[in-house]
Amino acid sequence: MDVARARALPPRTRGRGQGSDPPGSNPSRETATPRDHVYRKSELVGSSRESVSRAIETAIEQASQTIRHVEWFEVTEIRGHVQNGKVGHYQVAMNIGFPVDDD
């Protein structure tokens, strides 16, 4: 099969033969999701004198007190504050994600 025709075919028909699925694949898994989700992203900056991990944990713990169902985070920046030649604070900028209510 030539490359142009392979690109034009739906993903399931690529591979060993027409209509075959790649070994180990589960085509029904693609449609098994009960519903699609919409998430909102919000930016936070956490800080800690101890570590980067603690700065992340502090931000998420505090945000979870007022934002329901925080499900994920992504670190976008790590920085810090230097005092007397040593790390005074770790600062972590991150985005958190939470689902938009259906109500």
C-alpha atoms as a PDB file:
ATOM      1  CA  MET A   1       0.000   0.000   0.000  1.00  0.00           C
ATOM      2  CA  ASP A   2       1.425   3.388  -0.900  1.00  0.00           C
ATOM      3  CA  VAL A   3       1.968   6.074   1.759  1.00  0.00           C
ATOM      4  CA  ALA A   4      -0.624   8.517   0.354  1.00  0.00           C
ATOM      5  CA  ARG A   5      -3.368   5.881   0.456  1.00  0.00           C
ATOM      6  CA  ALA A   6      -2.348   4.744   3.976  1.00  0.00           C
ATOM      7  CA  ARG A   7      -2.670   8.315   5.275  1.00  0.00           C
ATOM      8  CA  ALA A   8      -6.130   8.635   3.744  1.00  0.00           C
ATOM      9  CA  LEU A   9      -7.471   5.488   5.415  1.00  0.00           C
ATOM     10  CA  PRO A  10      -8.998   5.602   8.904  1.00  0.00           C
ATOM     11  CA  PRO A  11      -6.513   4.475  11.600  1.00  0.00           C
ATOM     12  CA  ARG A  12      -8.128   1.036  12.024  1.00  0.00           C
ATOM     13  CA  THR A  13      -7.544   0.055   8.402  1.00  0.00           C
ATOM     14  CA  ARG A  14      -3.829   0.762   8.493  1.00  0.00           C
ATOM     15  CA  GLY A  15      -1.625  -2.148   9.341  1.00  0.00           C
ATOM     16  CA  ARG A  16      -1.715  -5.805   8.404  1.00  0.00           C
ATOM     17  CA  GLY A  17      -4.888  -5.760   6.349  1.00  0.00           C
ATOM     18  CA  GLN A  18      -8.146  -4.041   5.643  1.00  0.00           C
ATOM     19  CA  GLY A  19     -10.203  -3.763   8.824  1.00  0.00           C
ATOM     20  CA  SER A  20      -7.562  -5.248  11.099  1.00  0.00           C
ATOM     21  CA  ASP A  21      -6.603  -3.623  14.370  1.00  0.00           C
ATOM     22  CA  PRO A  22      -3.005  -3.421  15.583  1.00  0.00           C
ATOM     23  CA  PRO A  23      -2.084  -6.294  17.901  1.00  0.00           C
ATOM     24  CA  GLY A  24      -3.045  -5.564  21.500  1.00  0.00           C
ATOM     25  CA  SER A  25      -5.355  -2.696  20.610  1.00  0.00           C
ATOM     26  CA  ASN A  26      -8.859  -2.329  21.947  1.00  0.00           C
ATOM     27  CA  PRO A  27     -11.002  -0.379  19.457  1.00  0.00           C
ATOM     28  CA  SER A  28     -13.991  -0.245  21.821  1.00  0.00           C
ATOM     29  CA  ARG A  29     -11.836   1.606  24.366  1.00  0.00           C
ATOM     30  CA  GLU A  30     -11.912   4.711  22.156  1.00  0.00           C
ATOM     31  CA  THR A  31     -15.689   5.017  22.588  1.00  0.00           C
ATOM     32  CA  ALA A  32     -15.933   3.619  26.123  1.00  0.00           C
ATOM     33  CA  THR A  33     -15.717   7.065  27.765  1.00  0.00           C
ATOM     34  CA  PRO A  34     -19.166   7.907  29.175  1.00  0.00           C
ATOM     35  CA  ARG A  35     -18.813  11.620  28.389  1.00  0.00           C
ATOM     36  CA  ASP A  36     -16.340  14.223  27.259  1.00  0.00           C
ATOM     37  CA  HIS A  37     -14.876  16.606  29.812  1.00  0.00           C
ATOM     38  CA  VAL A  38     -14.212  20.323  29.799  1.00  0.00           C
ATOM     39  CA  TYR A  39     -11.586  21.643  32.181  1.00  0.00           C
ATOM     40  CA  ARG A  40     -10.704  25.087  33.434  1.00  0.00           C
ATOM     41  CA  LYS A  41      -7.067  26.012  34.019  1.00  0.00           C
ATOM     42  CA  SER A  42      -5.973  28.346  36.751  1.00  0.00           C
ATOM     43  CA  GLU A  43      -2.460  29.591  37.477  1.00  0.00           C
ATOM     44  CA  LEU A  44      -0.978  29.371  40.976  1.00  0.00           C
ATOM     45  CA  VAL A  45       2.384  30.147  42.535  1.00  0.00           C
ATOM     46  CA  GLY A  46       3.300  28.119  45.598  1.00  0.00           C
ATOM     47  CA  SER A  47       6.268  28.820  47.827  1.00  0.00           C
ATOM     48  CA  SER A  48       8.130  26.947  50.509  1.00  0.00           C
ATOM     49  CA  ARG A  49      11.299  27.308  52.526  1.00  0.00           C
ATOM     50  CA  GLU A  50      11.750  23.512  52.419  1.00  0.00           C
ATOM     51  CA  SER A  51      11.557  22.310  48.799  1.00  0.00           C
ATOM     52  CA  VAL A  52      10.018  22.547  45.349  1.00  0.00           C
ATOM     53  CA  SER A  53       7.772  19.573  46.193  1.00  0.00           C
ATOM     54  CA  ARG A  54       6.480  21.280  49.309  1.00  0.00           C
ATOM     55  CA  ALA A  55       5.772  24.470  47.318  1.00  0.00           C
ATOM     56  CA  ILE A  56       3.634  22.413  44.902  1.00  0.00           C
ATOM     57  CA  GLU A  57       1.843  20.608  47.730  1.00  0.00           C
ATOM     58  CA  THR A  58       1.139  23.856  49.593  1.00  0.00           C
ATOM     59  CA  ALA A  59      -0.382  25.510  46.520  1.00  0.00           C
ATOM     60  CA  ILE A  60      -2.569  22.525  45.677  1.00  0.00           C
ATOM     61  CA  GLU A  61      -3.711  21.984  49.273  1.00  0.00           C
ATOM     62  CA  GLN A  62      -4.699  25.620  49.672  1.00  0.00           C
ATOM     63  CA  ALA A  63      -6.389  25.854  46.245  1.00  0.00           C
ATOM     64  CA  SER A  64      -8.360  22.668  46.991  1.00  0.00           C
ATOM     65  CA  GLN A  65      -9.996  24.427  49.943  1.00  0.00           C
ATOM     66  CA  THR A  66     -11.888  26.759  47.584  1.00  0.00           C
ATOM     67  CA  ILE A  67     -11.756  25.009  44.188  1.00  0.00           C
ATOM     68  CA  ARG A  68     -13.666  21.747  43.885  1.00  0.00           C
ATOM     69  CA  HIS A  69     -12.286  18.648  42.151  1.00  0.00           C
ATOM     70  CA  VAL A  70      -8.727  19.745  41.326  1.00  0.00           C
ATOM     71  CA  GLU A  71      -7.575  16.856  39.131  1.00  0.00           C
ATOM     72  CA  TRP A  72      -4.168  17.749  37.719  1.00  0.00           C
ATOM     73  CA  PHE A  73      -1.321  20.232  37.707  1.00  0.00           C
ATOM     74  CA  GLU A  74       1.534  21.198  35.416  1.00  0.00           C
ATOM     75  CA  VAL A  75       4.629  23.053  36.563  1.00  0.00           C
ATOM     76  CA  THR A  76       5.380  25.993  34.296  1.00  0.00           C
ATOM     77  CA  GLU A  77       8.242  27.662  36.157  1.00  0.00           C
ATOM     78  CA  ILE A  78      10.554  27.074  39.086  1.00  0.00           C
ATOM     79  CA  ARG A  79      12.307  30.004  40.689  1.00  0.00           C
ATOM     80  CA  GLY A  80      13.424  31.066  44.107  1.00  0.00           C
ATOM     81  CA  HIS A  81      14.555  33.768  46.423  1.00  0.00           C
ATOM     82  CA  VAL A  82      18.142  33.951  47.647  1.00  0.00           C
ATOM     83  CA  GLN A  83      18.978  35.218  51.141  1.00  0.00           C
ATOM     84  CA  ASN A  84      22.554  35.530  52.381  1.00  0.00           C
ATOM     85  CA  GLY A  85      23.863  33.256  49.626  1.00  0.00           C
ATOM     86  CA  LYS A  86      21.369  30.470  50.366  1.00  0.00           C
ATOM     87  CA  VAL A  87      17.944  29.504  49.091  1.00  0.00           C
ATOM     88  CA  GLY A  88      15.405  31.429  51.128  1.00  0.00           C
ATOM     89  CA  HIS A  89      12.251  30.279  49.317  1.00  0.00           C
ATOM     90  CA  TYR A  90      11.404  27.943  46.482  1.00  0.00           C
ATOM     91  CA  GLN A  91       8.696  29.309  44.221  1.00  0.00           C
ATOM     92  CA  VAL A  92       6.796  27.139  41.746  1.00  0.00           C
ATOM     93  CA  ALA A  93       4.413  28.515  39.138  1.00  0.00           C
ATOM     94  CA  MET A  94       1.875  25.965  37.942  1.00  0.00           C
ATOM     95  CA  ASN A  95      -1.452  25.513  36.258  1.00  0.00           C
ATOM     96  CA  ILE A  96      -4.100  23.395  37.921  1.00  0.00           C
ATOM     97  CA  GLY A  97      -7.012  21.807  36.119  1.00  0.00           C
ATOM     98  CA  PHE A  98     -10.496  21.110  37.335  1.00  0.00           C
ATOM     99  CA  PRO A  99     -13.695  20.134  35.521  1.00  0.00           C
ATOM    100  CA  VAL A 100     -16.271  22.743  34.634  1.00  0.00           C
ATOM    101  CA  ASP A 101     -19.562  21.923  36.369  1.00  0.00           C
ATOM    102  CA  ASP A 102     -22.434  20.714  34.220  1.00  0.00           C
ATOM    103  CA  ASP A 103     -24.943  22.633  36.362  1.00  0.00           C
END
